[in-house]
N, C-alpha and C. Protein backbone atom coordinates (compact mmCIF):
# COMPACT_ATOMS: atom_id res chain seq x y z
N UNK A 1 0.85 -1.17 0.00
CA UNK A 1 0.00 0.00 0.00
C UNK A 1 0.89 1.24 0.00
N UNK A 2 0.62 2.14 -0.90
CA UNK A 2 1.43 3.35 -0.99
C UNK A 2 1.03 4.35 0.08
N UNK A 3 1.92 5.27 0.34
CA UNK A 3 1.66 6.31 1.34
C UNK A 3 0.85 7.43 0.68
N UNK A 4 -0.15 7.90 1.39
CA UNK A 4 -0.99 8.99 0.89
C UNK A 4 -0.23 10.29 1.11
N UNK A 5 -0.09 11.08 0.07
CA UNK A 5 0.70 12.31 0.16
C UNK A 5 0.12 13.28 1.18
N UNK A 6 1.00 14.10 1.74
CA UNK A 6 0.55 15.12 2.71
C UNK A 6 -0.43 16.09 2.05
N UNK A 7 -0.17 16.39 0.80
CA UNK A 7 -1.04 17.30 0.07
C UNK A 7 -2.46 16.73 -0.02
N UNK A 8 -2.57 15.45 -0.37
CA UNK A 8 -3.89 14.81 -0.47
C UNK A 8 -4.53 14.68 0.91
N UNK A 9 -3.74 14.36 1.91
CA UNK A 9 -4.27 14.29 3.28
C UNK A 9 -4.86 15.63 3.70
N UNK A 10 -4.13 16.71 3.43
CA UNK A 10 -4.61 18.05 3.76
C UNK A 10 -5.90 18.38 3.03
N UNK A 11 -5.97 18.00 1.77
CA UNK A 11 -7.17 18.27 0.97
C UNK A 11 -8.38 17.53 1.55
N UNK A 12 -8.18 16.28 1.93
CA UNK A 12 -9.27 15.47 2.51
C UNK A 12 -9.70 16.06 3.85
N UNK A 13 -8.74 16.48 4.67
CA UNK A 13 -9.08 17.09 5.96
C UNK A 13 -9.93 18.35 5.75
N UNK A 14 -9.58 19.16 4.77
CA UNK A 14 -10.37 20.37 4.49
C UNK A 14 -11.77 20.00 3.99
N UNK A 15 -11.84 19.04 3.07
CA UNK A 15 -13.14 18.62 2.54
C UNK A 15 -14.04 18.09 3.66
N UNK A 16 -13.45 17.38 4.61
CA UNK A 16 -14.21 16.79 5.71
C UNK A 16 -14.43 17.76 6.86
N UNK A 17 -14.01 18.99 6.69
CA UNK A 17 -14.11 20.02 7.72
C UNK A 17 -13.39 19.60 9.00
N UNK A 18 -12.36 18.80 8.82
CA UNK A 18 -11.50 18.34 9.92
C UNK A 18 -12.30 17.65 11.03
N UNK A 19 -13.24 16.82 10.59
CA UNK A 19 -14.03 16.04 11.55
C UNK A 19 -14.37 14.68 10.95
N UNK A 20 -14.71 13.75 11.83
CA UNK A 20 -15.05 12.39 11.42
C UNK A 20 -16.30 12.43 10.53
N UNK A 21 -16.25 11.71 9.44
CA UNK A 21 -17.38 11.67 8.53
C UNK A 21 -18.57 10.91 9.06
N UNK A 22 -18.39 10.12 10.11
CA UNK A 22 -19.46 9.29 10.65
C UNK A 22 -20.10 9.89 11.91
N UNK A 23 -19.30 10.18 12.91
CA UNK A 23 -19.85 10.69 14.19
C UNK A 23 -19.72 12.20 14.32
N UNK A 24 -19.06 12.84 13.36
CA UNK A 24 -18.85 14.29 13.30
C UNK A 24 -17.91 14.83 14.39
N UNK A 25 -17.16 13.96 15.02
CA UNK A 25 -16.20 14.40 16.04
C UNK A 25 -15.15 15.30 15.40
N UNK A 26 -15.04 16.55 15.87
CA UNK A 26 -14.04 17.45 15.30
C UNK A 26 -12.64 17.15 15.87
N UNK A 27 -11.63 17.43 15.06
CA UNK A 27 -10.26 17.17 15.48
C UNK A 27 -9.93 17.86 16.80
N UNK A 28 -10.43 19.06 17.02
CA UNK A 28 -10.06 19.80 18.24
C UNK A 28 -10.62 19.18 19.52
N UNK A 29 -11.54 18.22 19.42
CA UNK A 29 -12.04 17.51 20.60
C UNK A 29 -11.47 16.10 20.71
N UNK A 30 -10.67 15.73 19.75
CA UNK A 30 -10.15 14.37 19.70
C UNK A 30 -8.69 14.34 20.17
N UNK A 31 -8.36 13.51 21.16
CA UNK A 31 -6.97 13.46 21.64
C UNK A 31 -6.00 12.79 20.68
N UNK A 32 -6.50 12.11 19.66
CA UNK A 32 -5.64 11.50 18.65
C UNK A 32 -5.98 12.10 17.29
N UNK A 33 -5.06 11.97 16.36
CA UNK A 33 -5.32 12.50 15.03
C UNK A 33 -6.41 11.71 14.33
N UNK A 34 -7.31 12.42 13.67
CA UNK A 34 -8.28 11.76 12.82
C UNK A 34 -7.52 11.05 11.71
N UNK A 35 -8.05 9.91 11.29
CA UNK A 35 -7.36 9.06 10.33
C UNK A 35 -7.96 9.19 8.94
N UNK A 36 -7.11 9.03 7.94
CA UNK A 36 -7.59 8.96 6.56
C UNK A 36 -8.11 7.53 6.38
N UNK A 37 -9.37 7.42 6.04
CA UNK A 37 -10.06 6.14 5.98
C UNK A 37 -10.37 5.78 4.53
N UNK A 38 -10.27 4.50 4.22
CA UNK A 38 -10.64 3.99 2.89
C UNK A 38 -12.12 3.63 2.92
N UNK A 39 -12.93 4.30 2.15
CA UNK A 39 -14.36 4.01 2.11
C UNK A 39 -14.60 2.60 1.58
N UNK A 40 -13.95 2.27 0.50
CA UNK A 40 -13.91 0.90 -0.02
C UNK A 40 -12.54 0.37 0.38
N UNK A 41 -12.48 -0.59 1.29
CA UNK A 41 -11.18 -1.07 1.78
C UNK A 41 -10.27 -1.55 0.65
N UNK A 42 -8.98 -1.33 0.82
CA UNK A 42 -8.00 -1.78 -0.16
C UNK A 42 -8.13 -3.29 -0.37
N UNK A 43 -8.37 -4.02 0.72
CA UNK A 43 -8.52 -5.48 0.63
C UNK A 43 -9.71 -5.87 -0.24
N UNK A 44 -10.67 -4.96 -0.39
CA UNK A 44 -11.84 -5.23 -1.22
C UNK A 44 -11.78 -4.54 -2.57
N UNK A 45 -10.58 -4.13 -2.97
CA UNK A 45 -10.41 -3.50 -4.28
C UNK A 45 -10.40 -1.98 -4.27
N UNK A 46 -10.48 -1.38 -3.08
CA UNK A 46 -10.45 0.07 -2.98
C UNK A 46 -9.08 0.63 -3.29
N UNK A 47 -9.05 1.87 -3.70
CA UNK A 47 -7.81 2.53 -4.09
C UNK A 47 -7.46 3.63 -3.09
N UNK A 48 -6.31 4.22 -3.29
CA UNK A 48 -5.89 5.35 -2.46
C UNK A 48 -6.07 6.66 -3.21
N UNK A 49 -7.12 6.71 -3.98
CA UNK A 49 -7.46 7.93 -4.70
C UNK A 49 -8.38 8.79 -3.84
N UNK A 50 -8.42 10.05 -4.14
CA UNK A 50 -9.22 11.01 -3.38
C UNK A 50 -10.67 10.54 -3.21
N UNK A 51 -11.25 10.00 -4.27
CA UNK A 51 -12.66 9.59 -4.25
C UNK A 51 -12.93 8.47 -3.25
N UNK A 52 -11.90 7.74 -2.84
CA UNK A 52 -12.08 6.61 -1.92
C UNK A 52 -11.59 6.91 -0.51
N UNK A 53 -11.23 8.14 -0.25
CA UNK A 53 -10.66 8.47 1.06
C UNK A 53 -11.52 9.53 1.76
N UNK A 54 -11.59 9.40 3.09
CA UNK A 54 -12.29 10.39 3.91
C UNK A 54 -11.69 10.37 5.29
N UNK A 55 -12.15 11.24 6.15
CA UNK A 55 -11.62 11.36 7.50
C UNK A 55 -12.52 10.62 8.48
N UNK A 56 -11.89 9.91 9.42
CA UNK A 56 -12.64 9.18 10.45
C UNK A 56 -11.86 9.21 11.76
N UNK A 57 -12.60 9.22 12.85
CA UNK A 57 -11.93 9.10 14.15
C UNK A 57 -11.50 7.64 14.32
N UNK A 58 -10.59 7.42 15.22
CA UNK A 58 -10.08 6.08 15.44
C UNK A 58 -11.19 5.11 15.84
N UNK A 59 -12.12 5.58 16.67
CA UNK A 59 -13.23 4.73 17.13
C UNK A 59 -14.08 4.26 15.95
N UNK A 60 -14.53 5.18 15.13
CA UNK A 60 -15.35 4.81 13.97
C UNK A 60 -14.57 3.95 12.99
N UNK A 61 -13.35 4.34 12.72
CA UNK A 61 -12.53 3.60 11.75
C UNK A 61 -12.25 2.18 12.24
N UNK A 62 -12.03 2.00 13.53
CA UNK A 62 -11.74 0.65 14.02
C UNK A 62 -12.98 -0.23 13.96
N UNK A 63 -14.16 0.33 14.19
CA UNK A 63 -15.38 -0.48 14.10
C UNK A 63 -15.74 -0.76 12.64
N UNK A 64 -15.46 0.20 11.77
CA UNK A 64 -15.75 -0.01 10.35
C UNK A 64 -14.79 -1.04 9.77
N UNK A 65 -13.50 -0.88 10.09
CA UNK A 65 -12.48 -1.80 9.61
C UNK A 65 -12.64 -2.00 8.10
N UNK A 66 -12.78 -3.22 7.64
CA UNK A 66 -12.91 -3.50 6.21
C UNK A 66 -14.37 -3.69 5.80
N UNK A 67 -15.29 -3.32 6.67
CA UNK A 67 -16.71 -3.52 6.38
C UNK A 67 -17.23 -2.46 5.41
N UNK A 68 -18.11 -2.88 4.53
CA UNK A 68 -18.83 -1.93 3.69
C UNK A 68 -20.34 -2.15 3.83
N UNK A 69 -20.71 -3.21 4.55
CA UNK A 69 -22.11 -3.51 4.80
C UNK A 69 -22.37 -3.64 6.30
N UNK A 70 -23.59 -3.32 6.69
CA UNK A 70 -24.05 -3.51 8.05
C UNK A 70 -25.42 -4.16 8.01
N UNK A 71 -26.02 -4.33 9.16
CA UNK A 71 -27.31 -4.98 9.28
C UNK A 71 -28.31 -4.03 9.91
N UNK A 72 -29.44 -3.84 9.26
CA UNK A 72 -30.50 -3.02 9.82
C UNK A 72 -31.47 -3.94 10.54
N UNK A 73 -31.50 -3.85 11.85
CA UNK A 73 -32.36 -4.73 12.65
C UNK A 73 -33.84 -4.50 12.38
N UNK A 74 -34.22 -3.28 12.05
CA UNK A 74 -35.64 -2.97 11.82
C UNK A 74 -36.19 -3.71 10.61
N UNK A 75 -35.41 -3.77 9.54
CA UNK A 75 -35.89 -4.45 8.32
C UNK A 75 -35.31 -5.84 8.16
N UNK A 76 -34.27 -6.15 8.94
CA UNK A 76 -33.62 -7.45 8.81
C UNK A 76 -32.78 -7.57 7.54
N UNK A 77 -32.41 -6.43 6.98
CA UNK A 77 -31.66 -6.42 5.71
C UNK A 77 -30.19 -6.08 5.91
N UNK A 78 -29.39 -6.64 5.04
CA UNK A 78 -27.97 -6.28 4.94
C UNK A 78 -27.91 -5.03 4.08
N UNK A 79 -27.26 -3.98 4.59
CA UNK A 79 -27.30 -2.67 3.95
C UNK A 79 -25.88 -2.12 3.80
N UNK A 80 -25.65 -1.47 2.70
CA UNK A 80 -24.36 -0.80 2.49
C UNK A 80 -24.23 0.34 3.50
N UNK A 81 -23.06 0.47 4.11
CA UNK A 81 -22.82 1.51 5.10
C UNK A 81 -22.79 2.90 4.47
N UNK A 82 -23.05 3.88 5.28
CA UNK A 82 -23.03 5.28 4.88
C UNK A 82 -21.65 5.66 4.31
N UNK A 83 -21.68 6.42 3.23
CA UNK A 83 -20.47 6.90 2.58
C UNK A 83 -20.43 8.42 2.74
N UNK A 84 -19.57 8.93 3.65
CA UNK A 84 -19.56 10.38 3.90
C UNK A 84 -19.13 11.22 2.71
N UNK A 85 -18.49 10.64 1.74
CA UNK A 85 -18.09 11.40 0.56
C UNK A 85 -19.27 11.58 -0.40
N UNK A 86 -20.12 10.59 -0.49
CA UNK A 86 -21.20 10.61 -1.48
C UNK A 86 -22.58 10.91 -0.91
N UNK A 87 -22.76 10.72 0.38
CA UNK A 87 -24.09 10.87 0.96
C UNK A 87 -24.13 12.02 1.96
N UNK A 88 -25.32 12.56 2.17
CA UNK A 88 -25.52 13.68 3.08
C UNK A 88 -25.83 13.17 4.49
N UNK A 89 -25.03 13.59 5.46
CA UNK A 89 -25.18 13.13 6.84
C UNK A 89 -26.59 13.38 7.36
N UNK A 90 -27.11 14.56 7.13
CA UNK A 90 -28.43 14.93 7.67
C UNK A 90 -29.59 14.14 7.06
N UNK A 91 -29.39 13.55 5.92
CA UNK A 91 -30.42 12.71 5.33
C UNK A 91 -30.50 11.38 6.06
N UNK A 92 -29.37 10.89 6.53
CA UNK A 92 -29.32 9.55 7.12
C UNK A 92 -29.27 9.53 8.64
N UNK A 93 -28.93 10.66 9.26
CA UNK A 93 -28.77 10.71 10.71
C UNK A 93 -29.35 11.99 11.29
N UNK A 94 -29.60 11.93 12.58
CA UNK A 94 -29.92 13.13 13.34
C UNK A 94 -29.43 12.88 14.76
N UNK A 95 -29.35 13.95 15.53
CA UNK A 95 -28.98 13.82 16.93
C UNK A 95 -30.24 13.70 17.77
N UNK A 96 -30.11 12.98 18.86
CA UNK A 96 -31.21 12.90 19.82
C UNK A 96 -31.48 14.30 20.36
N UNK A 97 -32.60 14.48 21.01
CA UNK A 97 -32.97 15.80 21.53
C UNK A 97 -31.89 16.39 22.43
N UNK A 98 -31.22 15.54 23.21
CA UNK A 98 -30.17 16.04 24.10
C UNK A 98 -28.80 16.10 23.42
N UNK A 99 -28.75 15.76 22.14
CA UNK A 99 -27.55 15.84 21.29
C UNK A 99 -26.44 14.84 21.66
N UNK A 100 -26.75 13.83 22.45
CA UNK A 100 -25.72 12.88 22.88
C UNK A 100 -25.71 11.60 22.07
N UNK A 101 -26.79 11.31 21.36
CA UNK A 101 -26.86 10.08 20.57
C UNK A 101 -27.10 10.42 19.10
N UNK A 102 -26.57 9.55 18.25
CA UNK A 102 -26.79 9.67 16.81
C UNK A 102 -27.86 8.65 16.45
N UNK A 103 -28.90 9.12 15.80
CA UNK A 103 -30.03 8.27 15.44
C UNK A 103 -30.04 8.08 13.93
N UNK A 104 -30.12 6.84 13.49
CA UNK A 104 -30.24 6.55 12.08
C UNK A 104 -31.65 6.81 11.60
N UNK A 105 -31.80 7.62 10.57
CA UNK A 105 -33.11 7.96 10.03
C UNK A 105 -33.51 7.04 8.87
N UNK A 106 -32.54 6.39 8.27
CA UNK A 106 -32.77 5.53 7.11
C UNK A 106 -32.19 4.14 7.41
N UNK A 107 -32.44 3.19 6.53
CA UNK A 107 -31.85 1.86 6.73
C UNK A 107 -30.33 1.96 6.75
N UNK A 108 -29.79 2.77 5.87
CA UNK A 108 -28.34 2.99 5.82
C UNK A 108 -27.84 3.62 7.12
N UNK A 109 -28.55 4.62 7.60
CA UNK A 109 -28.17 5.28 8.85
C UNK A 109 -28.22 4.33 10.03
N UNK A 110 -29.30 3.56 10.14
CA UNK A 110 -29.43 2.62 11.26
C UNK A 110 -28.34 1.55 11.22
N UNK A 111 -28.07 1.02 10.04
CA UNK A 111 -27.02 -0.01 9.92
C UNK A 111 -25.66 0.57 10.27
N UNK A 112 -25.42 1.80 9.89
CA UNK A 112 -24.14 2.44 10.19
C UNK A 112 -24.00 2.73 11.68
N UNK A 113 -25.05 3.24 12.31
CA UNK A 113 -25.02 3.51 13.76
C UNK A 113 -24.68 2.22 14.51
N UNK A 114 -25.32 1.13 14.14
CA UNK A 114 -25.10 -0.14 14.84
C UNK A 114 -23.70 -0.71 14.55
N UNK A 115 -23.32 -0.74 13.29
CA UNK A 115 -22.03 -1.34 12.90
C UNK A 115 -20.85 -0.57 13.48
N UNK A 116 -20.92 0.75 13.45
CA UNK A 116 -19.81 1.57 13.94
C UNK A 116 -19.93 1.90 15.43
N UNK A 117 -21.00 1.42 16.05
CA UNK A 117 -21.21 1.61 17.50
C UNK A 117 -21.12 3.10 17.87
N UNK A 118 -21.86 3.90 17.11
CA UNK A 118 -21.80 5.35 17.28
C UNK A 118 -22.37 5.85 18.60
N UNK A 119 -23.07 4.98 19.32
CA UNK A 119 -23.66 5.39 20.59
C UNK A 119 -23.16 4.53 21.75
N UNK A 120 -21.90 4.21 21.73
CA UNK A 120 -21.35 3.44 22.85
C UNK A 120 -21.51 4.27 24.12
N UNK A 121 -21.54 3.61 25.24
CA UNK A 121 -21.75 4.28 26.52
C UNK A 121 -20.72 5.39 26.74
N UNK A 122 -19.48 5.11 26.41
CA UNK A 122 -18.41 6.10 26.60
C UNK A 122 -18.63 7.32 25.71
N UNK A 123 -18.95 7.08 24.43
CA UNK A 123 -19.17 8.21 23.51
C UNK A 123 -20.34 9.08 23.96
N UNK A 124 -21.41 8.47 24.42
CA UNK A 124 -22.56 9.24 24.87
C UNK A 124 -22.19 10.09 26.09
N UNK A 125 -21.43 9.53 27.01
CA UNK A 125 -20.99 10.29 28.20
C UNK A 125 -20.11 11.47 27.81
N UNK A 126 -19.18 11.24 26.90
CA UNK A 126 -18.29 12.31 26.47
C UNK A 126 -19.07 13.38 25.72
N UNK A 127 -19.97 12.96 24.86
CA UNK A 127 -20.79 13.95 24.13
C UNK A 127 -21.60 14.79 25.11
N UNK A 128 -22.07 14.20 26.17
CA UNK A 128 -22.86 14.96 27.16
C UNK A 128 -22.04 16.14 27.70
N UNK A 129 -20.77 15.89 27.99
CA UNK A 129 -19.89 16.96 28.46
C UNK A 129 -19.67 18.02 27.38
N UNK A 130 -19.41 17.57 26.18
CA UNK A 130 -19.19 18.52 25.08
C UNK A 130 -20.42 19.39 24.85
N UNK A 131 -21.60 18.78 24.90
CA UNK A 131 -22.84 19.52 24.72
C UNK A 131 -23.00 20.55 25.84
N UNK A 132 -22.69 20.12 27.06
CA UNK A 132 -22.81 21.02 28.22
C UNK A 132 -21.94 22.27 28.05
N UNK A 133 -20.78 22.10 27.43
CA UNK A 133 -19.87 23.24 27.21
C UNK A 133 -20.04 23.86 25.83
N UNK A 134 -21.12 23.48 25.13
CA UNK A 134 -21.45 24.02 23.81
C UNK A 134 -20.33 23.81 22.79
N UNK A 135 -19.70 22.65 22.86
CA UNK A 135 -18.63 22.29 21.93
C UNK A 135 -19.09 21.30 20.86
N UNK A 136 -20.26 20.74 21.03
CA UNK A 136 -20.77 19.69 20.15
C UNK A 136 -22.28 19.73 20.19
N UNK A 137 -22.95 19.39 19.10
CA UNK A 137 -22.43 18.99 17.79
C UNK A 137 -21.94 20.20 17.00
N UNK A 138 -21.26 19.92 15.87
CA UNK A 138 -20.79 21.03 15.03
C UNK A 138 -21.96 21.93 14.63
N UNK A 139 -21.69 23.19 14.50
CA UNK A 139 -22.74 24.18 14.22
C UNK A 139 -23.17 24.24 12.75
N UNK A 140 -22.36 23.73 11.86
CA UNK A 140 -22.71 23.84 10.43
C UNK A 140 -23.20 22.54 9.84
């Protein structure tokens, strides 16, 4: 696997507004660097081109791993996971009223929330603090 150039990494960070494409965690609230993620894993034929790369936090990226499909419990269907480069976050997700949980609005959103464990107990607790200090969710 070739190394992704710093120039391309910077471009992807700007396109992603320097936040995770899945949970919207901004870099300034993350103690580790957000990672350049392969939307279609290299092991599954994905490339290291701009169109196949996006930004993800370590938590989301580790749960996604090489997966491109998840399971929607409501419909019992295997569903392709959300693609932050091609799909609109607000169409597939929303925040709970208290802004601590991410709710899937579509089959894709629900499968992604479950597969990436976007509402783990730890994440919900941390989001609660960020919300209290008006640091989360992102304003735009």
